[in-house]
Amino acid sequence: MIRNIFDKNLNMKKILPFLLVLFLGFIANNTYAQVDKDTTIIKDSTLYRVLTSDGGDKIGYILKQDEREVLLLTKDNRRIVIPQYVIKKIEVVKKEDFNITGEYVGEDKFATRYFITTNGLPIKKGENYIQWNLFGPDFQFSVGDNFGLGILTSWFATPIIGTAKYSFELGPRSQMAIGTMLGTSSWASLTSDIRFGGALPFASLSFGTRKSNLAFSGGYGAVWLDGDVSGRALASVAGMVKISPKFSLVFDSFIVLKAKAITTTSQQYVYDPFTGTSTLQTVSYVQNRPGGGLFIPGIRFHQAEGKAIQFGFAAIGSDGELLPVPIPMIQWYRAL
């Protein structure tokens, strides 16, 4: 009996180490599997926005990317596989692209333009666009990193106005641009005796980003008609802010500054009814040149990437009065 007990103890000494090894292996295996399954090591901590050809987008961390697909980890810990053939663009997402509630807002793709005026921000290279107006189209092209050219006209191709703008940064959130607009009556001058044109050199100082900005602009507009030239100083205060992924608030103004009155004199014969005779006299005429402005608050609806529609409700200010324009201003933006 003592021998049997001894033999059993001996067998237990041999079995216990074996069982301990199995137990530790089981724990290690399950621990590794759990970490491999639920834990993701993000090698690239950069947040990306993946835009697809159907107009959709996904935001997250890129876990894997090859010639066939992109594996994306979203902020809510979902893994999404996106085929490469549906990906239109991949761009870096910055902290300022989110609002205070954590919702992605992003930049306004048409942040360089308000309703009429522009600002110091340049059109990004490759992000050319057309602005359709009720009166005609307006094409804008980026021909360099900070230089843009454009052309706008009416549906009758008269007048035709060319635009040019050069932008440069003053600081991280301040920009300046100098440019000009040159217009001509085009074909209309060939079919009539009326010939007209105009020029508007300008400068614009803006503060902010492509998500929100404020711009102050000034220039001098000159118009010539059948040899007569007249001009006036012009100014503008404009701004925009993107408040959500779909909407931006826009304000624009076009102000004609008050100018000094013009007095003209001429020699005319004035009839005197009491004497019944006419005498040559010097007559003076005073031409007042009051100021005025066009003010346009509105909203821009971003329908999809590179596609927006804009509504404005204009009012004309003159002599201390503000008169609403009954026809709303509607514009369509399309990326080219």
Protein backbone atom coordinates (compact mmCIF):
# COMPACT_ATOMS: atom_id res chain seq x y z
CA MET A 1 0.00 0.00 0.00
CA ILE A 2 2.83 2.41 0.84
CA ARG A 3 4.45 1.52 -2.48
CA ASN A 4 1.21 2.32 -4.33
CA ILE A 5 0.95 5.70 -2.65
CA PHE A 6 4.58 6.40 -3.51
CA ASP A 7 4.02 5.37 -7.11
CA LYS A 8 0.96 7.66 -7.34
CA ASN A 9 2.94 10.60 -5.93
CA LEU A 10 5.71 9.88 -8.43
CA ASN A 11 3.27 9.86 -11.31
CA MET A 12 1.74 13.16 -10.15
CA LYS A 13 5.20 14.75 -10.09
CA LYS A 14 5.59 13.76 -13.73
CA ILE A 15 2.08 14.85 -14.77
CA LEU A 16 1.96 18.24 -13.01
CA PRO A 17 4.71 19.92 -15.07
CA PHE A 18 3.06 18.64 -18.26
CA LEU A 19 -0.33 20.04 -17.20
CA LEU A 20 1.27 23.34 -16.22
CA VAL A 21 2.86 23.69 -19.66
CA LEU A 22 -0.49 22.97 -21.35
CA PHE A 23 -2.28 25.51 -19.14
CA LEU A 24 0.26 28.28 -19.79
CA GLY A 25 0.18 27.54 -23.51
CA PHE A 26 -3.62 27.75 -23.52
CA ILE A 27 -3.55 31.14 -21.74
CA ALA A 28 -0.84 32.52 -24.02
CA ASN A 29 -2.63 31.32 -27.15
CA ASN A 30 -5.96 32.88 -26.12
CA THR A 31 -4.28 36.10 -25.02
CA TYR A 32 -2.48 36.46 -28.36
CA ALA A 33 -5.64 35.68 -30.28
CA GLN A 34 -7.57 38.29 -28.32
CA VAL A 35 -4.95 40.98 -28.94
CA ASP A 36 -4.70 40.06 -32.62
CA LYS A 37 -8.47 40.18 -33.00
CA ASP A 38 -9.39 43.29 -31.06
CA THR A 39 -6.25 45.42 -31.01
CA THR A 40 -5.12 47.39 -34.06
CA ILE A 41 -1.72 48.98 -34.20
CA ILE A 42 -2.01 52.09 -36.39
CA LYS A 43 1.34 52.70 -38.01
CA ASP A 44 0.14 55.89 -39.74
CA SER A 45 -1.63 58.22 -37.30
CA THR A 46 -2.66 60.59 -40.11
CA LEU A 47 -6.38 60.92 -40.65
CA TYR A 48 -7.49 60.62 -44.27
CA ARG A 49 -10.62 61.34 -46.29
CA VAL A 50 -11.29 58.92 -49.12
CA LEU A 51 -13.54 60.29 -51.86
CA THR A 52 -15.27 57.83 -54.17
CA SER A 53 -16.52 58.22 -57.74
CA ASP A 54 -20.18 58.10 -56.63
CA GLY A 55 -19.76 61.32 -54.60
CA GLY A 56 -19.39 59.60 -51.22
CA ASP A 57 -16.55 59.85 -48.75
CA LYS A 58 -15.13 57.99 -45.76
CA ILE A 59 -12.85 59.33 -43.03
CA GLY A 60 -10.41 57.20 -41.05
CA TYR A 61 -6.95 55.73 -40.71
CA ILE A 62 -5.41 53.73 -43.55
CA LEU A 63 -4.40 50.33 -42.18
CA LYS A 64 -3.41 48.83 -45.50
CA GLN A 65 -3.21 49.94 -49.10
CA ASP A 66 -2.21 48.11 -52.26
CA GLU A 67 -3.02 48.23 -55.97
CA ARG A 68 -6.39 46.53 -55.40
CA GLU A 69 -7.93 48.12 -52.30
CA VAL A 70 -7.63 50.35 -49.25
CA LEU A 71 -8.39 49.08 -45.73
CA LEU A 72 -9.76 51.97 -43.68
CA LEU A 73 -10.36 52.10 -39.92
CA THR A 74 -13.09 54.66 -39.21
CA LYS A 75 -13.38 56.73 -36.04
CA ASP A 76 -16.09 54.40 -34.75
CA ASN A 77 -13.71 51.41 -35.13
CA ARG A 78 -15.24 49.94 -38.28
CA ARG A 79 -12.99 48.39 -40.89
CA ILE A 80 -14.02 49.24 -44.44
CA VAL A 81 -12.49 47.84 -47.60
CA ILE A 82 -12.66 50.29 -50.51
CA PRO A 83 -11.68 49.07 -54.00
CA GLN A 84 -9.09 51.23 -55.73
CA TYR A 85 -11.14 51.57 -58.91
CA VAL A 86 -13.90 53.53 -57.09
CA ILE A 87 -11.49 55.88 -55.30
CA LYS A 88 -11.41 59.34 -56.83
CA LYS A 89 -9.09 61.06 -54.37
CA ILE A 90 -7.40 60.58 -50.99
CA GLU A 91 -6.68 63.71 -48.96
CA VAL A 92 -5.32 64.48 -45.51
CA VAL A 93 -7.83 65.65 -42.90
CA LYS A 94 -6.72 68.39 -40.53
CA LYS A 95 -7.92 69.18 -37.02
CA GLU A 96 -9.52 72.45 -38.14
CA ASP A 97 -11.70 70.53 -40.60
CA PHE A 98 -13.97 69.51 -37.69
CA ASN A 99 -16.43 71.70 -35.83
CA ILE A 100 -16.80 71.91 -32.06
CA THR A 101 -19.15 68.90 -32.01
CA GLY A 102 -16.62 66.70 -33.81
CA GLU A 103 -18.50 66.72 -37.12
CA TYR A 104 -16.37 66.85 -40.26
CA VAL A 105 -17.02 70.11 -42.11
CA GLY A 106 -14.01 70.45 -44.36
CA GLU A 107 -13.12 73.35 -46.60
CA ASP A 108 -15.36 75.10 -49.08
CA LYS A 109 -14.13 74.13 -52.55
CA PHE A 110 -15.30 77.52 -53.86
CA ALA A 111 -13.94 79.57 -50.96
CA THR A 112 -12.10 81.98 -53.29
CA ARG A 113 -15.40 83.38 -54.56
CA TYR A 114 -18.43 85.06 -53.06
CA PHE A 115 -21.27 86.27 -55.32
CA ILE A 116 -19.39 88.90 -57.31
CA THR A 117 -16.04 89.60 -55.69
CA THR A 118 -13.04 87.45 -54.80
CA ASN A 119 -10.42 87.36 -52.02
CA GLY A 120 -6.72 86.75 -51.50
CA LEU A 121 -6.95 82.95 -51.63
CA PRO A 122 -5.79 81.36 -54.90
CA ILE A 123 -7.67 78.66 -56.76
CA LYS A 124 -5.94 75.37 -55.98
CA LYS A 125 -4.05 73.89 -58.88
CA GLY A 126 -6.34 71.58 -60.83
CA GLU A 127 -9.52 72.86 -59.13
CA ASN A 128 -10.86 74.92 -62.04
CA TYR A 129 -14.56 75.72 -61.97
CA ILE A 130 -17.43 77.37 -63.79
CA GLN A 131 -20.01 79.61 -62.16
CA TRP A 132 -23.32 79.62 -64.02
CA ASN A 133 -25.32 82.83 -63.58
CA LEU A 134 -28.75 83.78 -64.83
CA PHE A 135 -27.07 86.25 -67.19
CA GLY A 136 -24.28 83.94 -68.39
CA PRO A 137 -21.24 81.78 -67.54
CA ASP A 138 -18.06 82.62 -65.64
CA PHE A 139 -15.01 80.35 -66.15
CA GLN A 140 -12.09 80.40 -63.69
CA PHE A 141 -8.81 78.51 -64.20
CA SER A 142 -5.72 77.98 -62.08
CA VAL A 143 -2.72 78.32 -64.39
CA GLY A 144 -0.15 78.35 -61.59
CA ASP A 145 0.23 77.86 -57.86
CA ASN A 146 -0.89 81.43 -57.15
CA PHE A 147 -2.07 82.74 -60.50
CA GLY A 148 -5.53 82.42 -62.03
CA LEU A 149 -7.22 83.53 -65.24
CA GLY A 150 -10.91 83.72 -66.06
CA ILE A 151 -13.46 84.83 -68.60
CA LEU A 152 -17.11 85.76 -68.13
CA THR A 153 -19.79 86.92 -70.48
CA SER A 154 -23.52 87.03 -71.09
CA TRP A 155 -25.60 84.55 -73.06
CA PHE A 156 -25.23 86.96 -76.03
CA ALA A 157 -21.40 86.96 -75.76
CA THR A 158 -21.35 90.72 -75.12
CA PRO A 159 -19.64 92.09 -73.21
CA ILE A 160 -16.71 89.71 -72.81
CA ILE A 161 -14.66 90.29 -69.65
CA GLY A 162 -11.27 88.75 -68.91
CA THR A 163 -9.94 88.44 -65.35
CA ALA A 164 -6.49 87.85 -63.87
CA LYS A 165 -5.47 87.44 -60.22
CA TYR A 166 -2.16 86.82 -58.48
CA SER A 167 -2.26 85.74 -54.81
CA PHE A 168 0.39 85.53 -52.11
CA GLU A 169 0.41 84.75 -48.40
CA LEU A 170 1.11 87.38 -45.78
CA GLY A 171 0.91 84.94 -42.88
CA PRO A 172 -0.60 81.59 -41.85
CA ARG A 173 -4.14 83.03 -41.97
CA SER A 174 -3.79 86.17 -44.09
CA GLN A 175 -3.55 86.59 -47.84
CA MET A 176 -3.42 89.32 -50.46
CA ALA A 177 -4.23 89.39 -54.15
CA ILE A 178 -3.83 91.89 -56.95
CA GLY A 179 -5.70 91.58 -60.19
CA THR A 180 -7.65 93.19 -62.96
CA MET A 181 -10.78 92.88 -65.06
CA LEU A 182 -10.85 94.02 -68.70
CA GLY A 183 -14.03 94.11 -70.75
CA THR A 184 -15.05 94.85 -74.30
CA SER A 185 -18.29 95.01 -76.28
CA SER A 186 -16.83 92.30 -78.58
CA TRP A 187 -18.94 91.64 -81.67
CA ALA A 188 -21.52 94.30 -80.75
CA SER A 189 -19.11 97.05 -81.78
CA LEU A 190 -18.94 95.57 -85.28
CA THR A 191 -22.69 95.70 -85.86
CA SER A 192 -23.38 99.17 -84.44
CA ASP A 193 -21.76 102.54 -83.93
CA ILE A 194 -21.71 102.04 -80.15
CA ARG A 195 -18.36 100.99 -78.76
CA PHE A 196 -17.78 100.49 -75.06
CA GLY A 197 -15.44 98.79 -72.65
CA GLY A 198 -14.10 98.91 -69.14
CA ALA A 199 -11.22 98.14 -66.80
CA LEU A 200 -11.09 97.42 -63.08
CA PRO A 201 -7.68 96.99 -61.41
CA PHE A 202 -8.13 95.83 -57.81
CA ALA A 203 -6.46 94.55 -54.66
CA SER A 204 -7.91 92.28 -52.00
CA LEU A 205 -6.82 91.60 -48.43
CA SER A 206 -8.35 88.57 -46.73
CA PHE A 207 -8.10 86.79 -43.39
CA GLY A 208 -8.96 83.18 -42.61
CA THR A 209 -8.98 79.86 -44.38
CA ARG A 210 -10.97 78.00 -47.02
CA LYS A 211 -13.43 77.12 -44.28
CA SER A 212 -14.11 80.70 -43.14
CA ASN A 213 -12.71 84.03 -44.30
CA LEU A 214 -13.26 87.77 -44.46
CA ALA A 215 -12.09 89.98 -47.32
CA PHE A 216 -11.65 93.73 -47.93
CA SER A 217 -11.23 94.79 -51.54
CA GLY A 218 -10.77 98.05 -53.39
CA GLY A 219 -10.17 99.24 -56.93
CA TYR A 220 -10.92 101.80 -59.58
CA GLY A 221 -13.43 101.10 -62.30
CA ALA A 222 -13.18 102.96 -65.58
CA VAL A 223 -15.72 102.78 -68.40
CA TRP A 224 -15.36 104.22 -71.88
CA LEU A 225 -18.24 104.82 -74.27
CA ASP A 226 -17.73 106.30 -77.74
CA GLY A 227 -14.53 108.01 -76.67
CA ASP A 228 -15.80 109.38 -73.35
CA VAL A 229 -14.13 107.95 -70.25
CA SER A 230 -15.49 108.04 -66.70
CA GLY A 231 -14.39 106.26 -63.56
CA ARG A 232 -15.13 105.73 -59.91
CA ALA A 233 -13.44 104.22 -56.86
CA LEU A 234 -14.98 100.92 -55.77
CA ALA A 235 -14.84 98.89 -52.56
CA SER A 236 -16.14 95.64 -51.12
CA VAL A 237 -16.50 93.82 -47.82
CA ALA A 238 -17.26 90.12 -48.12
CA GLY A 239 -17.01 86.89 -46.18
CA MET A 240 -18.07 83.28 -45.93
CA VAL A 241 -18.17 80.50 -43.34
CA LYS A 242 -18.88 76.82 -43.83
CA ILE A 243 -21.21 75.85 -40.99
CA SER A 244 -21.79 72.19 -41.91
CA PRO A 245 -20.76 69.63 -44.53
CA LYS A 246 -23.60 70.85 -46.77
CA PHE A 247 -24.02 74.57 -46.10
CA SER A 248 -21.97 77.77 -46.20
CA LEU A 249 -23.13 81.27 -45.31
CA VAL A 250 -21.97 83.90 -47.81
CA PHE A 251 -22.05 87.69 -47.80
CA ASP A 252 -20.90 89.98 -50.60
CA SER A 253 -21.04 93.69 -51.37
CA PHE A 254 -20.15 95.94 -54.28
CA ILE A 255 -19.85 99.57 -53.22
CA VAL A 256 -19.50 102.61 -55.48
CA LEU A 257 -17.89 105.37 -53.44
CA LYS A 258 -19.23 108.91 -53.48
CA ALA A 259 -17.30 111.23 -55.78
CA LYS A 260 -16.90 114.98 -56.02
CA ALA A 261 -19.57 116.75 -58.01
CA ILE A 262 -18.65 117.87 -61.51
CA THR A 263 -19.46 121.41 -62.61
CA THR A 264 -19.59 122.10 -66.32
CA THR A 265 -20.07 125.47 -68.02
CA SER A 266 -21.19 126.34 -71.50
CA GLN A 267 -22.08 129.39 -73.57
CA GLN A 268 -25.76 129.53 -74.49
CA TYR A 269 -28.17 132.09 -75.84
CA VAL A 270 -30.80 132.86 -73.20
CA TYR A 271 -34.11 134.40 -74.33
CA ASP A 272 -35.51 137.31 -72.32
CA PRO A 273 -39.31 137.40 -72.65
CA PHE A 274 -39.51 141.02 -71.45
CA THR A 275 -37.20 142.43 -74.12
CA GLY A 276 -37.88 139.79 -76.70
CA THR A 277 -34.17 139.34 -77.38
CA SER A 278 -31.61 136.58 -76.76
CA THR A 279 -28.23 137.21 -75.19
CA LEU A 280 -25.16 134.96 -74.95
CA GLN A 281 -24.61 133.89 -71.36
CA THR A 282 -22.45 131.44 -69.41
CA VAL A 283 -24.56 128.61 -67.95
CA SER A 284 -23.28 126.22 -65.26
CA TYR A 285 -24.48 122.68 -64.62
CA VAL A 286 -23.68 120.70 -61.47
CA GLN A 287 -23.55 116.91 -61.80
CA ASN A 288 -23.77 115.18 -58.43
CA ARG A 289 -22.12 111.75 -58.12
CA PRO A 290 -23.56 110.06 -55.04
CA GLY A 291 -22.39 106.72 -53.76
CA GLY A 292 -24.32 103.48 -53.56
CA GLY A 293 -23.91 99.79 -53.16
CA LEU A 294 -25.20 96.31 -53.80
CA PHE A 295 -25.41 94.06 -50.72
CA ILE A 296 -25.97 90.31 -51.06
CA PRO A 297 -26.39 87.92 -48.13
CA GLY A 298 -27.01 84.32 -49.11
CA ILE A 299 -26.43 80.63 -48.61
CA ARG A 300 -24.43 78.04 -50.54
CA PHE A 301 -25.62 74.44 -50.66
CA HIS A 302 -22.94 71.84 -51.36
CA GLN A 303 -24.71 69.14 -53.34
CA ALA A 304 -21.66 66.92 -53.83
CA GLU A 305 -17.90 67.15 -54.24
CA GLY A 306 -17.25 69.96 -56.74
CA LYS A 307 -20.94 70.80 -57.08
CA ALA A 308 -22.89 73.59 -55.33
CA ILE A 309 -25.80 75.97 -55.77
CA GLN A 310 -25.96 79.45 -54.26
CA PHE A 311 -28.92 81.69 -53.42
CA GLY A 312 -28.66 85.38 -52.64
CA PHE A 313 -31.16 88.07 -51.70
CA ALA A 314 -29.78 91.39 -52.91
CA ALA A 315 -30.56 94.94 -51.84
CA ILE A 316 -29.45 98.27 -53.34
CA GLY A 317 -28.40 101.06 -51.01
CA SER A 318 -28.44 104.69 -52.15
CA ASP A 319 -29.05 108.07 -50.46
CA GLY A 320 -29.60 106.39 -47.10
CA GLU A 321 -32.25 104.00 -48.41
CA LEU A 322 -32.07 100.24 -48.85
CA LEU A 323 -34.26 98.84 -51.58
CA PRO A 324 -34.66 95.05 -52.00
CA VAL A 325 -34.15 93.50 -55.42
CA PRO A 326 -37.26 91.43 -56.26
CA ILE A 327 -35.33 88.82 -58.28
CA PRO A 328 -33.06 86.51 -56.19
CA MET A 329 -29.51 85.91 -57.30
CA ILE A 330 -28.97 82.24 -58.17
CA GLN A 331 -25.61 80.73 -59.13
CA TRP A 332 -24.44 77.21 -59.85
CA TYR A 333 -20.86 76.05 -59.23
CA ARG A 334 -19.37 73.12 -61.09
CA ALA A 335 -15.80 71.83 -60.95
CA LEU A 336 -14.11 71.44 -64.34
